[in-house]
Amino acid sequence: MESSTDAVPQNMFTCHLCGLSTPFTYYGQKPPNTRAIVLLEECFVTKDPFSPDRERFLILGSNCSLCHITVCVGTESGFGGCQEKATYPSA
């Protein structure tokens, strides 16, 4: 009899800023089981658990292009891990 600790380890996505941690199924620009979708950035992706459609997926987050930390797409983290440090010209 196998114990539950012998489970296959999953790839885990963890946001450096907010601490969100969840398994992901793919990292890259072309999620599996999609036809003509290419993401602009390499992202952590998981299958949409709320949809029976195999082509549906959720983008969890990505690596910051400036400092390379892993950040989620949440409202507190956003894709810009360095956005607090960035200065933008006023319009």
N, C-alpha and C. Protein backbone atom coordinates (compact mmCIF):
# COMPACT_ATOMS: atom_id res chain seq x y z
N MET A 1 0.84 -1.18 0.00
CA MET A 1 0.00 0.00 0.00
C MET A 1 0.89 1.24 0.00
N GLU A 2 0.61 2.15 -0.94
CA GLU A 2 1.41 3.36 -1.06
C GLU A 2 0.84 4.45 -0.16
N SER A 3 1.72 5.23 0.42
CA SER A 3 1.25 6.35 1.25
C SER A 3 1.00 7.57 0.37
N SER A 4 0.25 8.52 0.89
CA SER A 4 -0.07 9.71 0.12
C SER A 4 1.15 10.61 -0.08
N THR A 5 2.22 10.38 0.65
CA THR A 5 3.43 11.18 0.47
C THR A 5 4.22 10.77 -0.76
N ASP A 6 3.83 9.67 -1.41
CA ASP A 6 4.52 9.21 -2.62
C ASP A 6 3.95 9.83 -3.89
N ALA A 7 3.11 10.84 -3.76
CA ALA A 7 2.48 11.48 -4.91
C ALA A 7 3.54 12.15 -5.79
N VAL A 8 3.25 12.22 -7.07
CA VAL A 8 4.15 12.86 -8.03
C VAL A 8 4.19 14.36 -7.73
N PRO A 9 5.37 14.96 -7.56
CA PRO A 9 5.44 16.40 -7.28
C PRO A 9 4.97 17.20 -8.50
N GLN A 10 4.24 18.26 -8.25
CA GLN A 10 3.74 19.12 -9.32
C GLN A 10 4.60 20.37 -9.40
N ASN A 11 4.58 20.99 -10.58
CA ASN A 11 5.23 22.28 -10.73
C ASN A 11 4.40 23.30 -9.96
N MET A 12 5.05 24.09 -9.12
CA MET A 12 4.33 25.07 -8.32
C MET A 12 4.70 26.49 -8.74
N PHE A 13 3.69 27.33 -8.90
CA PHE A 13 3.88 28.75 -9.15
C PHE A 13 3.72 29.47 -7.82
N THR A 14 4.64 30.35 -7.47
CA THR A 14 4.54 31.13 -6.25
C THR A 14 4.89 32.58 -6.56
N CYS A 15 3.96 33.48 -6.25
CA CYS A 15 4.19 34.91 -6.46
C CYS A 15 5.13 35.42 -5.37
N HIS A 16 6.16 36.13 -5.78
CA HIS A 16 7.15 36.66 -4.85
C HIS A 16 6.57 37.81 -4.01
N LEU A 17 5.57 38.52 -4.54
CA LEU A 17 5.05 39.69 -3.85
C LEU A 17 3.89 39.38 -2.91
N CYS A 18 2.92 38.57 -3.35
CA CYS A 18 1.74 38.33 -2.52
C CYS A 18 1.71 36.93 -1.89
N GLY A 19 2.59 36.03 -2.36
CA GLY A 19 2.66 34.70 -1.78
C GLY A 19 1.69 33.69 -2.35
N LEU A 20 0.90 34.05 -3.36
CA LEU A 20 -0.01 33.10 -4.00
C LEU A 20 0.80 31.90 -4.48
N SER A 21 0.34 30.71 -4.14
CA SER A 21 1.04 29.50 -4.54
C SER A 21 0.02 28.49 -5.05
N THR A 22 0.24 28.00 -6.28
CA THR A 22 -0.69 27.05 -6.90
C THR A 22 0.05 26.24 -7.97
N PRO A 23 -0.40 25.03 -8.24
CA PRO A 23 0.25 24.25 -9.31
C PRO A 23 0.01 24.88 -10.68
N PHE A 24 1.00 24.76 -11.56
CA PHE A 24 0.80 25.19 -12.95
C PHE A 24 1.07 24.02 -13.87
N THR A 25 0.47 24.06 -15.06
CA THR A 25 0.61 22.96 -15.99
C THR A 25 1.55 23.27 -17.16
N TYR A 26 1.85 24.55 -17.38
CA TYR A 26 2.66 24.91 -18.54
C TYR A 26 3.35 26.24 -18.27
N TYR A 27 4.57 26.40 -18.79
CA TYR A 27 5.28 27.68 -18.77
C TYR A 27 5.77 27.95 -20.18
N GLY A 28 5.38 29.06 -20.76
CA GLY A 28 5.82 29.40 -22.11
C GLY A 28 4.85 30.35 -22.78
N GLN A 29 4.94 30.43 -24.11
CA GLN A 29 4.10 31.35 -24.88
C GLN A 29 2.99 30.66 -25.65
N LYS A 30 3.03 29.35 -25.80
CA LYS A 30 2.03 28.62 -26.59
C LYS A 30 1.41 27.52 -25.73
N PRO A 31 0.34 27.86 -24.97
CA PRO A 31 -0.29 26.85 -24.11
C PRO A 31 -0.75 25.63 -24.90
N PRO A 32 -0.66 24.45 -24.30
CA PRO A 32 -1.10 23.24 -25.00
C PRO A 32 -2.61 23.24 -25.21
N ASN A 33 -3.05 22.49 -26.21
CA ASN A 33 -4.47 22.35 -26.55
C ASN A 33 -5.12 23.66 -26.96
N THR A 34 -4.33 24.59 -27.47
CA THR A 34 -4.90 25.83 -28.01
C THR A 34 -4.55 25.89 -29.48
N ARG A 35 -5.40 26.51 -30.25
CA ARG A 35 -5.19 26.54 -31.70
C ARG A 35 -4.28 27.69 -32.11
N ALA A 36 -4.80 28.89 -32.08
CA ALA A 36 -4.06 30.02 -32.63
C ALA A 36 -3.72 31.05 -31.56
N ILE A 37 -3.38 30.60 -30.37
CA ILE A 37 -3.06 31.53 -29.28
C ILE A 37 -1.57 31.48 -29.01
N VAL A 38 -0.94 32.65 -29.08
CA VAL A 38 0.46 32.80 -28.71
C VAL A 38 0.52 33.99 -27.76
N LEU A 39 1.00 33.77 -26.55
CA LEU A 39 1.10 34.83 -25.56
C LEU A 39 2.30 35.71 -25.87
N LEU A 40 2.21 36.99 -25.53
CA LEU A 40 3.30 37.92 -25.82
C LEU A 40 4.51 37.69 -24.93
N GLU A 41 4.29 37.18 -23.73
CA GLU A 41 5.37 36.90 -22.78
C GLU A 41 5.29 35.43 -22.37
N GLU A 42 6.38 34.88 -21.88
CA GLU A 42 6.33 33.55 -21.31
C GLU A 42 5.59 33.64 -19.98
N CYS A 43 4.57 32.81 -19.81
CA CYS A 43 3.70 32.88 -18.64
C CYS A 43 3.53 31.50 -18.00
N PHE A 44 3.17 31.53 -16.73
CA PHE A 44 2.77 30.32 -16.02
C PHE A 44 1.28 30.15 -16.26
N VAL A 45 0.88 28.98 -16.78
CA VAL A 45 -0.49 28.74 -17.21
C VAL A 45 -1.02 27.47 -16.55
N THR A 46 -2.32 27.46 -16.28
CA THR A 46 -2.97 26.25 -15.80
C THR A 46 -4.29 26.07 -16.53
N LYS A 47 -4.77 24.84 -16.61
CA LYS A 47 -6.06 24.56 -17.22
C LYS A 47 -7.14 25.22 -16.39
N ASP A 48 -8.15 25.78 -17.04
CA ASP A 48 -9.26 26.43 -16.34
C ASP A 48 -10.09 25.36 -15.64
N PRO A 49 -10.09 25.33 -14.31
CA PRO A 49 -10.83 24.28 -13.60
C PRO A 49 -12.35 24.46 -13.65
N PHE A 50 -12.81 25.61 -14.13
CA PHE A 50 -14.24 25.90 -14.16
C PHE A 50 -14.86 25.67 -15.53
N SER A 51 -14.06 25.22 -16.50
CA SER A 51 -14.56 25.04 -17.86
C SER A 51 -14.26 23.62 -18.36
N PRO A 52 -15.26 22.97 -18.99
CA PRO A 52 -15.01 21.65 -19.57
C PRO A 52 -14.23 21.75 -20.90
N ASP A 53 -14.14 22.95 -21.45
CA ASP A 53 -13.45 23.18 -22.72
C ASP A 53 -11.95 23.03 -22.52
N ARG A 54 -11.31 22.11 -23.24
CA ARG A 54 -9.87 21.86 -23.09
C ARG A 54 -9.02 23.03 -23.53
N GLU A 55 -9.57 23.92 -24.36
CA GLU A 55 -8.79 25.05 -24.85
C GLU A 55 -8.77 26.23 -23.88
N ARG A 56 -9.56 26.18 -22.83
CA ARG A 56 -9.61 27.27 -21.86
C ARG A 56 -8.47 27.12 -20.85
N PHE A 57 -7.82 28.23 -20.53
CA PHE A 57 -6.73 28.20 -19.58
C PHE A 57 -6.71 29.51 -18.80
N LEU A 58 -5.99 29.51 -17.69
CA LEU A 58 -5.82 30.69 -16.86
C LEU A 58 -4.34 31.05 -16.82
N ILE A 59 -4.05 32.33 -16.96
CA ILE A 59 -2.69 32.81 -16.82
C ILE A 59 -2.48 33.17 -15.36
N LEU A 60 -1.54 32.52 -14.72
CA LEU A 60 -1.27 32.75 -13.30
C LEU A 60 -0.32 33.92 -13.09
N GLY A 61 0.70 34.02 -13.91
CA GLY A 61 1.69 35.09 -13.76
C GLY A 61 2.86 34.88 -14.68
N SER A 62 3.94 35.61 -14.39
CA SER A 62 5.13 35.55 -15.23
C SER A 62 6.32 36.03 -14.41
N ASN A 63 7.48 36.07 -15.04
CA ASN A 63 8.66 36.64 -14.42
C ASN A 63 8.79 38.10 -14.83
N CYS A 64 9.09 38.97 -13.87
CA CYS A 64 9.27 40.39 -14.16
C CYS A 64 10.40 40.55 -15.17
N SER A 65 10.17 41.34 -16.21
CA SER A 65 11.19 41.50 -17.24
C SER A 65 12.36 42.36 -16.78
N LEU A 66 12.20 43.09 -15.66
CA LEU A 66 13.29 43.92 -15.16
C LEU A 66 14.12 43.23 -14.09
N CYS A 67 13.44 42.66 -13.07
CA CYS A 67 14.19 42.07 -11.96
C CYS A 67 14.08 40.55 -11.91
N HIS A 68 13.25 39.96 -12.78
CA HIS A 68 13.12 38.51 -12.94
C HIS A 68 12.49 37.79 -11.76
N ILE A 69 11.80 38.50 -10.86
CA ILE A 69 11.08 37.80 -9.80
C ILE A 69 9.76 37.30 -10.37
N THR A 70 9.22 36.25 -9.78
CA THR A 70 7.96 35.68 -10.23
C THR A 70 6.81 36.45 -9.59
N VAL A 71 5.89 36.99 -10.44
CA VAL A 71 4.76 37.76 -9.95
C VAL A 71 3.48 37.25 -10.59
N CYS A 72 2.36 37.37 -9.86
CA CYS A 72 1.08 36.94 -10.40
C CYS A 72 0.38 38.10 -11.10
N VAL A 73 -0.77 37.81 -11.70
CA VAL A 73 -1.53 38.84 -12.38
C VAL A 73 -2.57 39.47 -11.46
N GLY A 74 -2.47 39.22 -10.17
CA GLY A 74 -3.40 39.79 -9.19
C GLY A 74 -3.32 41.30 -9.17
N THR A 75 -4.34 41.92 -8.58
CA THR A 75 -4.40 43.38 -8.55
C THR A 75 -3.30 43.98 -7.69
N GLU A 76 -2.82 43.24 -6.68
CA GLU A 76 -1.77 43.78 -5.82
C GLU A 76 -0.39 43.59 -6.43
N SER A 77 -0.19 42.52 -7.17
CA SER A 77 1.13 42.25 -7.74
C SER A 77 1.22 42.75 -9.17
N GLY A 78 0.25 42.38 -9.98
CA GLY A 78 0.29 42.75 -11.39
C GLY A 78 1.47 42.10 -12.07
N PHE A 79 1.63 42.32 -13.37
CA PHE A 79 2.77 41.76 -14.09
C PHE A 79 4.02 42.58 -13.82
N GLY A 80 3.88 43.79 -13.32
CA GLY A 80 5.05 44.65 -13.10
C GLY A 80 5.59 44.53 -11.70
N GLY A 81 6.45 43.59 -11.44
CA GLY A 81 7.03 43.42 -10.12
C GLY A 81 7.79 44.64 -9.66
N CYS A 82 8.31 45.42 -10.58
CA CYS A 82 9.10 46.59 -10.23
C CYS A 82 8.30 47.87 -10.39
N GLN A 83 6.99 47.78 -10.54
CA GLN A 83 6.22 48.99 -10.84
C GLN A 83 6.28 50.01 -9.72
N GLU A 84 6.49 49.58 -8.47
CA GLU A 84 6.60 50.55 -7.39
C GLU A 84 7.88 51.37 -7.53
N LYS A 85 8.91 50.78 -8.10
CA LYS A 85 10.20 51.44 -8.23
C LYS A 85 10.29 52.27 -9.50
N ALA A 86 9.43 51.96 -10.47
CA ALA A 86 9.50 52.65 -11.75
C ALA A 86 8.92 54.06 -11.64
N THR A 87 9.50 54.97 -12.34
CA THR A 87 8.95 56.32 -12.39
C THR A 87 8.47 56.59 -13.80
N TYR A 88 7.31 57.13 -13.92
CA TYR A 88 6.71 57.40 -15.22
C TYR A 88 6.58 58.91 -15.39
N PRO A 89 6.82 59.42 -16.59
CA PRO A 89 6.66 60.87 -16.81
C PRO A 89 5.19 61.25 -16.68
N SER A 90 4.93 62.37 -16.06
CA SER A 90 3.54 62.81 -15.92
C SER A 90 3.04 63.37 -17.24
N ALA A 91 1.78 63.14 -17.53
CA ALA A 91 1.21 63.55 -18.81
C ALA A 91 0.72 64.97 -18.74
